[in-house]
Protein backbone atom coordinates (compact mmCIF):
# COMPACT_ATOMS: atom_id res chain seq x y z
CA MET A 1 91.59 141.56 76.22
CA PRO A 2 93.86 144.90 76.78
CA THR A 3 93.61 146.67 79.95
CA GLU A 4 91.83 149.84 78.08
CA ILE A 5 88.75 147.68 77.40
CA SER A 6 87.52 148.48 81.11
CA GLY A 7 87.46 152.35 79.81
CA PRO A 8 88.20 155.55 81.42
CA PRO A 9 87.52 156.14 85.20
CA GLU A 10 83.87 155.98 86.04
CA PHE A 11 83.11 154.15 82.66
CA LYS A 12 82.26 150.96 84.39
CA LYS A 13 79.78 152.79 86.72
CA GLU A 14 78.25 154.67 83.99
CA PHE A 15 78.21 151.61 81.70
CA SER A 16 76.30 149.60 84.20
CA ARG A 17 73.76 152.48 84.77
CA ASN A 18 73.31 152.96 81.09
CA LEU A 19 72.68 149.10 80.69
CA THR A 20 70.29 149.01 83.64
CA SER A 21 68.36 151.86 82.35
CA ASN A 22 68.23 150.58 78.89
CA PHE A 23 66.78 147.49 80.26
CA VAL A 24 64.22 149.19 82.10
CA LEU A 25 63.33 151.37 79.15
CA PHE A 26 63.11 148.14 76.92
CA ILE A 27 60.67 146.34 79.33
CA VAL A 28 58.41 149.34 79.34
CA SER A 29 58.44 149.71 75.74
CA ILE A 30 57.46 146.00 75.33
CA LEU A 31 54.85 146.26 77.64
CA VAL A 32 53.38 149.55 76.14
CA GLY A 33 53.91 148.10 72.71
CA LEU A 34 52.05 144.74 73.50
CA LEU A 35 49.15 146.32 75.31
CA VAL A 36 48.71 149.39 73.17
CA VAL A 37 47.75 147.68 69.88
CA PRO A 38 44.80 145.49 71.44
CA PHE A 39 43.54 148.99 73.01
CA TYR A 40 43.83 150.67 69.64
CA ILE A 41 41.97 147.88 67.86
CA ASP A 42 39.15 147.67 70.41
CA THR A 43 38.64 151.58 70.68
CA LEU A 44 39.56 152.40 67.05
CA GLY A 45 39.19 149.48 65.02
CA LEU A 46 41.87 147.86 62.87
CA ALA A 47 41.75 150.25 59.97
CA ALA A 48 42.18 153.37 62.29
CA TYR A 49 44.92 151.36 64.17
CA GLY A 50 46.67 150.68 60.93
CA ILE A 51 47.15 154.67 60.17
CA ILE A 52 48.97 155.15 63.55
CA PRO A 53 52.06 153.40 62.92
CA LEU A 54 51.95 154.89 59.55
CA ALA A 55 51.94 158.32 60.80
CA THR A 56 54.80 157.61 63.14
CA SER A 57 57.04 156.03 60.67
CA PHE A 58 56.04 158.28 57.81
CA THR A 59 57.10 161.53 59.88
CA ASN A 60 60.54 160.02 60.21
CA TYR A 61 61.21 161.22 56.80
CA VAL A 62 60.68 164.63 57.60
CA VAL A 63 62.98 164.84 60.56
CA LEU A 64 65.95 162.96 58.94
CA VAL A 65 68.14 166.17 58.70
CA LEU A 66 67.63 166.85 62.38
CA GLU A 67 68.62 163.22 63.37
CA SER A 68 71.65 163.38 61.26
CA LEU A 69 72.78 166.51 62.82
CA ASN A 70 72.12 164.79 66.42
CA ALA A 71 74.69 162.07 65.36
CA ALA A 72 77.18 164.43 64.14
CA ILE A 73 76.91 166.53 67.25
CA SER A 74 77.31 163.68 69.70
CA ARG A 75 80.46 162.67 68.01
CA PHE A 76 82.24 165.89 68.04
CA LEU A 77 80.89 166.99 71.70
CA THR A 78 82.22 163.60 72.80
CA ILE A 79 85.63 163.86 71.13
CA HIS A 80 86.20 167.51 72.35
CA LEU A 81 84.96 166.76 75.89
CA GLN A 82 86.92 163.74 76.30
CA GLN A 83 90.10 165.87 75.20
CA SER A 84 88.87 168.61 77.84
CA ASP A 85 88.30 171.34 75.15
CA LEU A 86 85.89 173.46 76.37
CA ALA A 87 86.10 176.17 73.94
CA GLY A 88 85.72 173.69 71.23
CA VAL A 89 82.62 172.08 73.02
CA THR A 90 81.10 175.57 73.50
CA ARG A 91 81.33 176.39 69.69
CA ILE A 92 80.04 173.16 68.73
CA PHE A 93 77.17 173.09 71.19
CA ASN A 94 75.94 176.79 70.21
CA THR A 95 76.57 176.10 66.56
CA ALA A 96 74.28 173.06 66.69
CA LEU A 97 71.80 174.50 68.76
CA ILE A 98 71.12 177.45 66.57
CA THR A 99 71.39 175.14 63.26
CA ILE A 100 68.74 173.00 64.56
CA MET A 101 66.55 175.87 65.73
CA ALA A 102 66.83 177.27 62.20
CA PHE A 103 65.85 173.93 60.70
CA VAL A 104 62.86 173.44 62.96
CA LEU A 105 61.51 176.78 62.04
CA LEU A 106 61.99 176.07 58.47
CA LEU A 107 60.54 172.39 58.63
CA ALA A 108 57.54 173.20 60.84
CA PRO A 109 55.53 174.90 57.78
CA VAL A 110 56.59 172.25 55.35
CA ALA A 111 55.40 169.50 57.80
CA VAL A 112 51.98 170.97 58.13
CA VAL A 113 51.81 171.12 54.39
CA ILE A 114 52.95 167.39 53.98
CA ALA A 115 50.45 166.32 56.64
CA TRP A 116 47.62 167.96 54.76
CA PHE A 117 48.30 165.81 51.62
CA THR A 118 49.03 162.50 53.35
CA PRO A 119 45.33 161.37 53.69
CA ASP A 120 45.11 161.76 49.92
CA LEU A 121 48.03 159.21 49.49
CA PHE A 122 46.51 156.34 51.42
CA ASN A 123 43.09 154.55 51.49
CA ILE A 124 41.24 156.21 54.38
CA ALA A 125 37.87 155.94 53.18
CA ASP A 126 36.63 154.62 56.68
CA LEU A 127 38.34 157.59 58.61
CA GLU A 128 37.70 161.24 58.79
CA ARG A 129 40.09 163.27 56.74
CA GLU A 130 40.57 166.13 59.27
CA SER A 131 41.46 163.51 62.09
CA VAL A 132 43.96 161.99 59.89
CA PHE A 133 45.34 165.39 58.66
CA LEU A 134 45.65 166.50 62.45
CA LEU A 135 47.27 163.00 63.49
CA PHE A 136 50.04 163.39 60.82
CA ALA A 137 50.44 167.22 61.63
CA LEU A 138 50.73 166.93 65.53
CA VAL A 139 53.24 163.79 64.99
CA PHE A 140 55.29 165.66 62.61
CA LEU A 141 55.43 168.71 65.27
CA SER A 142 56.18 166.52 68.11
CA SER A 143 59.26 164.98 66.14
CA LEU A 144 60.32 168.49 65.65
CA ILE A 145 59.91 169.47 69.17
CA THR A 146 61.87 166.14 70.22
CA ALA A 147 64.78 167.32 68.01
CA LEU A 148 65.23 170.42 69.85
CA ARG A 149 66.37 168.35 72.58
CA SER A 150 69.45 166.94 70.42
CA PRO A 151 72.22 169.42 71.68
CA PHE A 152 71.23 169.10 75.25
CA SER A 153 70.96 165.22 74.88
CA ALA A 154 74.28 165.01 73.26
CA VAL A 155 76.01 166.62 76.39
CA MET A 156 74.59 163.92 78.54
CA TYR A 157 75.65 161.49 75.89
CA ALA A 158 79.09 162.80 75.59
CA LEU A 159 79.58 162.59 79.35
CA ASN A 160 78.20 158.81 79.08
CA LYS A 161 75.03 159.81 81.15
CA ILE A 162 72.81 157.86 78.74
CA HIS A 163 70.90 156.75 81.64
CA TYR A 164 69.31 160.13 82.16
CA ILE A 165 68.24 160.27 78.41
CA ASN A 166 66.75 156.88 78.82
CA TYR A 167 64.64 158.03 81.92
CA ILE A 168 63.55 161.11 79.92
CA THR A 169 62.35 158.87 77.02
CA LEU A 170 60.78 156.77 79.70
CA VAL A 171 58.86 159.79 80.93
CA TYR A 172 57.89 160.76 77.25
CA THR A 173 56.59 157.12 76.54
CA LEU A 174 54.37 156.84 79.71
CA ALA A 175 53.13 160.28 79.48
CA SER A 176 52.05 159.98 75.79
CA ILE A 177 50.34 156.69 76.76
CA GLY A 178 48.86 158.30 79.61
CA ILE A 179 47.22 161.17 78.06
CA ILE A 180 45.94 158.86 75.02
CA VAL A 181 44.12 156.81 77.72
CA ALA A 182 42.80 159.73 79.32
CA PHE A 183 41.39 161.44 76.14
CA PHE A 184 39.99 158.04 75.13
CA THR A 185 38.26 157.71 78.25
CA VAL A 186 36.79 161.20 78.66
CA GLU A 187 36.08 161.98 74.98
CA THR A 188 34.97 159.92 71.87
CA PRO A 189 38.27 157.96 70.72
CA SER A 190 39.89 159.34 67.65
CA VAL A 191 43.41 159.19 66.08
CA TYR A 192 43.47 162.86 66.53
CA TYR A 193 43.90 162.41 70.28
CA VAL A 194 47.14 160.04 69.52
CA GLY A 195 48.82 162.89 67.77
CA LEU A 196 47.87 165.38 70.34
CA ALA A 197 49.23 163.36 73.33
CA TYR A 198 52.55 162.91 71.37
CA PHE A 199 52.83 166.55 71.04
CA LEU A 200 52.18 167.15 74.81
CA ALA A 201 54.62 164.44 75.82
CA ALA A 202 57.34 165.86 73.49
CA THR A 203 57.05 169.27 74.93
CA LEU A 204 57.61 167.67 78.43
CA SER A 205 60.54 165.82 77.25
CA LEU A 206 62.04 168.83 75.87
CA VAL A 207 61.53 170.84 79.12
CA LEU A 208 63.16 167.78 81.23
CA THR A 209 65.96 167.48 78.89
CA VAL A 210 67.06 171.15 79.07
CA LEU A 211 66.91 171.10 82.89
CA VAL A 212 68.83 167.61 83.18
CA SER A 213 71.38 168.61 80.89
CA ARG A 214 72.17 171.92 82.44
CA ALA A 215 72.41 170.16 85.88
CA VAL A 216 74.83 167.57 84.55
CA TYR A 217 77.12 170.14 82.83
CA ASN A 218 76.63 173.58 83.24
CA LYS A 219 79.97 175.14 81.82
CA ILE A 220 78.66 175.81 78.30
CA PRO A 221 77.63 179.14 77.99
CA ILE A 222 74.41 179.62 75.30
CA SER A 223 75.17 182.55 73.17
CA LEU A 224 74.65 183.56 69.70
CA SER A 225 78.12 184.80 69.53
CA CYS A 226 79.45 181.37 69.98
CA PHE A 227 78.16 180.47 66.51
CA SER A 228 81.11 178.99 64.36
CA ARG A 229 81.05 178.78 60.62
CA GLU A 230 83.99 176.38 60.80
CA ARG A 231 82.03 174.18 63.39
CA PHE A 232 79.02 174.36 61.27
CA ASN A 233 80.88 173.07 58.04
CA GLU A 234 82.40 170.41 60.36
CA ILE A 235 79.03 169.37 61.76
CA THR A 236 77.12 169.60 58.69
CA GLY A 237 79.74 167.79 56.61
CA LEU A 238 79.54 164.70 58.55
CA ALA A 239 75.75 165.21 58.83
CA ARG A 240 75.29 165.21 55.19
CA TRP A 241 76.47 161.69 54.81
CA ILE A 242 74.80 160.35 58.00
CA LEU A 243 71.57 161.90 56.44
CA VAL A 244 72.40 159.80 53.24
CA ASP A 245 72.58 156.88 55.32
CA GLN A 246 69.46 157.57 57.34
CA ILE A 247 67.54 157.92 54.29
CA GLY A 248 68.85 154.46 53.13
CA THR A 249 68.05 153.09 56.41
CA LEU A 250 64.39 154.42 56.54
CA LEU A 251 64.11 152.89 52.96
CA LEU A 252 64.99 149.61 54.58
CA LEU A 253 62.93 149.72 57.83
CA GLN A 254 60.29 151.88 57.15
CA LEU A 255 59.31 151.59 53.33
CA SER A 256 57.75 148.01 53.75
CA LEU A 257 54.82 149.21 55.87
CA ILE A 258 54.00 152.08 53.68
CA ILE A 259 54.08 149.72 50.51
CA VAL A 260 51.70 147.30 52.38
CA ASN A 261 49.31 150.14 53.20
CA ARG A 262 49.51 151.57 49.82
CA GLU A 263 49.01 148.35 47.89
CA PHE A 264 46.89 146.36 50.27
CA GLY A 265 45.00 148.93 52.18
CA THR A 266 44.98 149.98 55.91
CA ALA A 267 43.50 146.58 57.26
CA ALA A 268 46.45 144.53 55.78
CA GLY A 269 48.77 147.32 56.96
CA GLY A 270 47.51 146.86 60.61
CA GLU A 271 48.16 143.17 60.18
CA TYR A 272 51.75 143.85 58.86
CA ALA A 273 52.23 146.46 61.64
CA MET A 274 51.60 143.84 64.33
CA VAL A 275 54.44 141.58 63.01
CA VAL A 276 56.74 144.54 62.50
CA ILE A 277 56.39 145.35 65.98
CA PHE A 278 58.10 142.40 67.04
CA PHE A 279 60.91 142.98 64.59
CA ASN A 280 61.21 146.65 65.77
CA LEU A 281 61.32 145.26 69.34
CA LEU A 282 64.21 142.98 68.73
CA TRP A 283 65.87 145.88 66.56
CA SER A 284 65.41 148.13 69.61
CA ILE A 285 67.08 145.76 71.89
CA THR A 286 70.22 145.75 69.71
CA GLY A 287 70.02 149.59 69.43
CA LEU A 288 69.70 149.64 73.23
CA ILE A 289 72.75 147.47 73.69
CA THR A 290 74.93 149.29 70.91
CA SER A 291 74.02 152.67 72.26
CA VAL A 292 75.71 152.34 75.50
CA LEU A 293 78.79 151.24 73.49
CA SER A 294 79.12 154.22 71.22
CA PRO A 295 80.55 156.73 73.74
CA MET A 296 83.25 154.27 74.55
CA TYR A 297 84.20 154.03 70.68
CA TYR A 298 84.35 157.93 70.57
CA THR A 299 86.31 158.00 73.83
CA TYR A 300 88.76 155.43 72.85
CA TYR A 301 88.97 157.21 69.14
CA ALA A 302 89.71 160.62 71.06
CA ARG A 303 92.41 159.05 73.22
CA ARG A 304 93.94 157.12 70.05
CA HIS A 305 93.22 153.55 71.57
CA PHE A 306 92.71 152.09 68.14
CA ALA A 307 93.78 148.60 69.31
CA THR A 308 91.04 148.78 71.85
CA ILE A 309 88.41 149.88 69.22
CA HIS A 310 89.29 146.69 67.50
CA ASP A 311 89.23 144.40 70.30
CA LEU A 312 85.71 145.97 71.47
CA SER A 313 84.43 145.53 67.89
CA VAL A 314 85.30 141.70 67.73
CA VAL A 315 83.75 141.12 71.34
CA SER A 316 80.79 143.29 70.55
CA VAL A 317 79.75 141.40 67.50
CA LYS A 318 80.37 137.90 68.98
CA CYS A 319 78.37 139.06 72.18
CA VAL A 320 75.51 140.89 70.58
CA GLY A 321 74.64 137.84 68.21
CA LEU A 322 74.77 135.48 71.27
CA VAL A 323 72.61 137.52 73.35
CA MET A 324 70.18 138.30 70.52
CA ALA A 325 69.76 134.79 69.39
CA LEU A 326 67.81 133.76 72.55
CA PRO A 327 64.88 136.47 72.14
CA ILE A 328 64.87 136.06 68.42
CA ALA A 329 64.45 132.24 68.67
CA LEU A 330 61.97 132.42 71.41
CA ILE A 331 59.64 134.95 69.66
CA SER A 332 59.91 132.78 66.49
CA LEU A 333 59.00 129.43 68.28
CA PHE A 334 56.33 130.93 70.14
CA SER A 335 55.02 133.18 67.66
CA PRO A 336 51.47 131.55 67.22
CA GLN A 337 50.78 131.73 70.82
CA LEU A 338 52.09 135.21 71.45
CA LEU A 339 49.73 136.66 68.58
CA THR A 340 46.90 134.54 69.93
CA ILE A 341 47.18 136.04 73.48
CA TRP A 342 48.11 139.32 72.30
CA VAL A 343 45.43 140.31 69.37
CA GLY A 344 43.32 137.11 69.11
CA GLU A 345 43.39 133.49 67.53
CA GLU A 346 42.40 134.95 64.26
CA PHE A 347 45.64 136.59 63.73
CA ALA A 348 47.68 133.50 64.61
CA HIS A 349 48.33 132.80 60.91
CA LEU A 350 50.65 135.78 60.92
CA SER A 351 53.31 133.74 62.69
CA LEU A 352 54.41 132.62 59.19
CA LEU A 353 55.06 136.14 58.19
CA MET A 354 57.08 136.58 61.70
CA TRP A 355 59.23 133.74 60.91
CA ALA A 356 60.11 135.07 57.60
CA LEU A 357 61.23 138.20 59.18
CA LEU A 358 62.74 136.79 62.14
CA ILE A 359 65.04 134.00 60.61
CA PRO A 360 67.98 136.08 59.31
CA LEU A 361 67.73 138.70 61.86
CA THR A 362 70.32 137.26 64.51
CA THR A 363 73.16 137.72 61.81
CA ILE A 364 71.78 140.99 60.73
CA VAL A 365 71.88 142.65 64.22
CA ALA A 366 75.11 140.92 65.35
CA VAL A 367 77.06 143.20 63.27
CA ARG A 368 75.66 146.55 64.48
CA PRO A 369 78.24 147.39 66.72
CA LEU A 370 80.75 147.68 63.76
CA ILE A 371 78.71 150.68 62.35
CA LEU A 372 79.82 152.57 65.59
CA SER A 373 83.61 151.92 65.00
CA TYR A 374 83.64 153.49 61.25
CA ALA A 375 81.61 156.33 62.58
CA ALA A 376 84.18 156.88 65.37
CA TYR A 377 86.88 157.20 62.54
CA ASN A 378 84.35 159.60 60.40
CA ARG A 379 84.33 157.26 57.70
CA VAL A 380 80.62 157.41 56.75
CA ARG A 381 80.47 158.35 53.07
CA VAL A 382 80.70 154.99 51.53
CA PRO A 383 78.48 153.17 54.11
CA ALA A 384 75.77 155.98 53.40
CA ILE A 385 76.10 155.09 49.66
CA ALA A 386 75.78 151.36 50.22
CA THR A 387 72.79 152.04 52.63
CA ILE A 388 71.00 154.06 49.99
CA ALA A 389 71.80 151.23 47.40
CA ALA A 390 70.37 148.71 49.81
CA GLY A 391 67.10 151.02 50.51
CA LEU A 392 66.43 151.36 46.58
CA LEU A 393 66.78 147.70 46.16
CA ASN A 394 64.49 147.05 49.01
CA LEU A 395 61.92 149.71 47.02
CA VAL A 396 62.39 148.06 43.79
CA LEU A 397 61.77 144.55 45.13
CA ALA A 398 59.16 145.44 47.45
CA VAL A 399 57.01 146.74 44.60
CA ALA A 400 57.73 144.07 42.01
CA LEU A 401 57.69 140.92 44.22
CA PRO A 402 54.13 140.89 45.50
CA HIS A 403 52.53 141.31 42.20
CA THR A 404 55.02 139.11 40.04
CA SER A 405 55.28 136.14 42.54
CA GLY A 406 51.75 136.35 44.10
CA LEU A 407 53.14 136.64 47.56
CA GLY A 408 51.33 139.52 48.62
CA MET A 409 52.54 141.34 51.58
CA TYR A 410 55.04 138.31 52.06
CA GLY A 411 56.71 139.44 49.21
CA VAL A 412 57.38 142.90 50.71
CA ALA A 413 58.85 140.99 53.71
CA PHE A 414 60.96 139.06 51.69
CA ALA A 415 62.37 142.06 49.72
CA PHE A 416 63.03 143.93 53.15
CA VAL A 417 64.96 141.13 54.63
CA LEU A 418 67.08 140.58 51.59
CA ALA A 419 68.19 144.02 51.31
CA LEU A 420 68.84 144.42 54.90
CA TRP A 421 70.85 141.20 55.14
CA LEU A 422 72.94 142.39 51.92
CA ARG A 423 73.77 145.77 53.57
CA ASN A 424 74.38 144.43 57.09
CA VAL A 425 75.92 140.95 56.87
CA VAL A 426 77.76 141.25 53.52
CA PHE A 427 78.88 144.96 53.58
CA VAL A 428 78.93 146.23 57.09
CA PRO A 429 81.91 143.76 58.24
CA TRP A 430 83.90 144.25 55.22
CA TYR A 431 83.83 148.01 55.40
CA ALA A 432 84.65 148.12 59.14
CA ALA A 433 87.54 145.79 58.32
CA ARG A 434 88.84 148.12 55.75
CA VAL A 435 88.50 151.22 58.17
CA GLN A 436 90.51 149.33 60.87
CA GLY A 437 93.07 147.88 58.51
CA VAL A 438 92.28 144.18 59.23
CA SER A 439 91.00 141.30 57.29
CA PRO A 440 87.37 141.02 56.84
CA ALA A 441 87.45 137.63 58.21
CA VAL A 442 88.26 139.05 61.48
CA PHE A 443 84.70 140.60 61.74
CA TYR A 444 82.76 137.78 59.61
CA GLY A 445 83.96 135.27 62.01
CA PRO A 446 82.31 136.55 65.39
CA ALA A 447 78.96 136.75 63.82
CA VAL A 448 78.81 132.84 63.46
CA PRO A 449 78.36 132.08 67.08
CA GLY A 450 75.27 133.89 67.34
CA THR A 451 73.96 132.36 64.00
CA LEU A 452 74.62 128.78 65.15
CA ALA A 453 73.10 129.44 68.50
CA TYR A 454 69.72 130.55 66.83
CA ILE A 455 69.68 127.41 64.56
CA ALA A 456 70.46 125.28 67.48
CA LEU A 457 67.70 126.86 69.67
CA VAL A 458 65.32 126.25 67.07
CA ALA A 459 66.32 122.87 65.98
CA VAL A 460 66.36 121.51 69.59
CA SER A 461 63.49 123.56 71.02
CA TYR A 462 60.88 123.26 68.17
CA PRO A 463 60.37 119.65 68.51
CA LEU A 464 60.27 119.90 72.26
CA ILE A 465 57.55 122.68 72.01
CA SER A 466 55.53 120.54 69.63
CA VAL A 467 55.68 117.48 71.99
CA LEU A 468 54.73 119.51 75.00
CA ALA A 469 51.87 121.09 73.17
CA VAL A 470 52.22 124.30 74.80
CA PRO A 471 48.74 126.12 74.88
CA ALA A 472 48.30 129.91 74.52
CA SER A 473 49.15 130.33 78.22
CA VAL A 474 51.41 133.19 79.47
CA VAL A 475 52.34 131.10 82.52
CA ASP A 476 53.02 127.88 80.14
CA ILE A 477 55.10 130.05 77.82
CA ALA A 478 56.92 131.70 80.66
CA LEU A 479 58.04 128.52 82.06
CA VAL A 480 59.06 126.64 78.97
CA ALA A 481 60.98 129.78 77.68
CA GLY A 482 62.46 130.12 81.12
CA ALA A 483 63.83 126.64 81.11
CA ILE A 484 65.26 126.91 77.63
CA SER A 485 66.84 130.31 78.47
CA LEU A 486 68.57 128.95 81.81
CA VAL A 487 70.03 125.94 79.55
CA TYR A 488 71.14 128.30 76.78
CA ILE A 489 72.83 130.75 79.02
CA ALA A 490 74.77 128.16 80.87
CA ILE A 491 75.85 126.64 77.71
CA VAL A 492 77.01 129.98 76.25
CA ALA A 493 78.69 131.32 79.44
CA ARG A 494 80.60 127.97 80.06
CA VAL A 495 81.21 126.52 76.51
CA ILE A 496 81.14 129.43 73.88
CA LEU A 497 82.35 132.64 75.71
CA THR A 498 86.26 132.57 76.61
CA GLY A 499 87.47 133.52 80.33
CA PRO A 500 88.33 137.17 79.16
CA GLU A 501 84.96 137.59 77.67
CA ARG A 502 83.20 136.25 80.69
CA ASP A 503 85.34 138.72 83.05
CA LEU A 504 84.29 141.62 80.72
CA ILE A 505 80.73 140.70 80.95
CA ARG A 506 80.78 140.40 84.87
CA SER A 507 82.87 143.84 85.10
CA ILE A 508 80.23 145.89 83.12
CA LEU A 509 77.01 144.19 84.85
CA PRO A 510 75.71 146.44 87.59
CA SER A 511 77.22 145.34 90.94
CA PRO A 512 73.93 144.14 92.50
CA VAL A 513 73.55 141.69 89.65
CA SER A 514 77.22 140.77 89.21
CA GLN A 515 77.49 139.76 92.87
CA ARG A 516 74.37 137.41 92.62
CA VAL A 517 75.50 135.68 89.57
CA PRO A 518 76.87 132.28 90.23
CA SER A 519 80.53 131.49 89.73
CA TRP A 520 79.82 128.43 87.74
CA LEU A 521 77.95 130.89 85.33
CA LEU A 522 80.32 133.69 84.90
């Protein structure tokens, strides 16, 4: 590996902090996600629970514009900060802040109108219309409030202080759940209180983001006079194609839940949502890993270290695939037991649906770091079109397959997986190679070890688990999964990873962790 891979000064320390905070946030998210579902089902019922993830996913379509602006802001702020261009940073920040505030003011009444009509789109016969409207309206508004954090979060992101963003997200997560539990304890449980909790937690996170961002970097004055039409065109030009890409991504990731609710009812939607939670958790793990890499891509691009971008891309794809193969395989293998422990034995049959979603996931997520590489080069138009095409394919197949094949919601799952596989596994490596001017085989190859690792884990462990007849016990699952993990990690570290790759992994681990990792392992 080239010497630049270690990054600019303080990159190692910040990377370790970011990685650690990502891990903490992920663990908390898992615990909250696992505990909140049975809590909702016990207090609200399955049908009412099914409308909550529907509301949180449906609102994503309203704030797409703001999220695309945030992504564009982060790129330009990072590049100008790394180039020590304070005047450019000031213009970008204020232009972004004013633009987002204007969009929020425009979208707020639109969000309320959309929320008013959403109860008519779904089967909510067992729920109060007013409560569903308030749920959607408050979740919409909380998303808009969260969007106001974007310019301030982008400053911390540009300085590679992602751990501060994670801590604020952690506060948001715990605050929203705490408020929900408090309301459900004091008042009669209602989905309305879920929306109110999100709204209050979003307001708190906005205040914290502004305060922390100004404490981290206070050299940017906030002034209407710093608005720049040139920067506005620059930001919105990139954001326009990011928006198209995000629409396609939502068509891929969120549409299946909406179709299941629409076609098969909220009870089926609740069951589908249970399985999708595991998929989303695994998707989120990958997102947490890649999120700490994105400032590195932008920094290397700003410093014109193009060879380092290429090397980082290759190593990232290989390592992400190998890292993700283990949790994906374990969740697949223990899916009946996990569902039984989590929501009850009557839902264990959903393990087949979980297998359908998870079998191709290792290869799909392995290539996600490559998206960062062509984002750094500001080459997002073609990927956006490809993502839209994949999203439309998902829409067509998800509507057609359940009825033509008789597969029900399994047909929706197959449509989703196929469209996402074509976009990530086929298109992304090819386009990243084209942007970086290398052969596509350079990026297809590194995704293979992770896929083979998943297959090997399932092939070896499935008979072992069958012989052991593991019961639905957390302790038994933890012991067997821990043994499998130790063997897997040792084989990957000593057989699959190269010496420079082991050195890189050790260098970016937090110091307390790297000092305790045995030399025979890394």
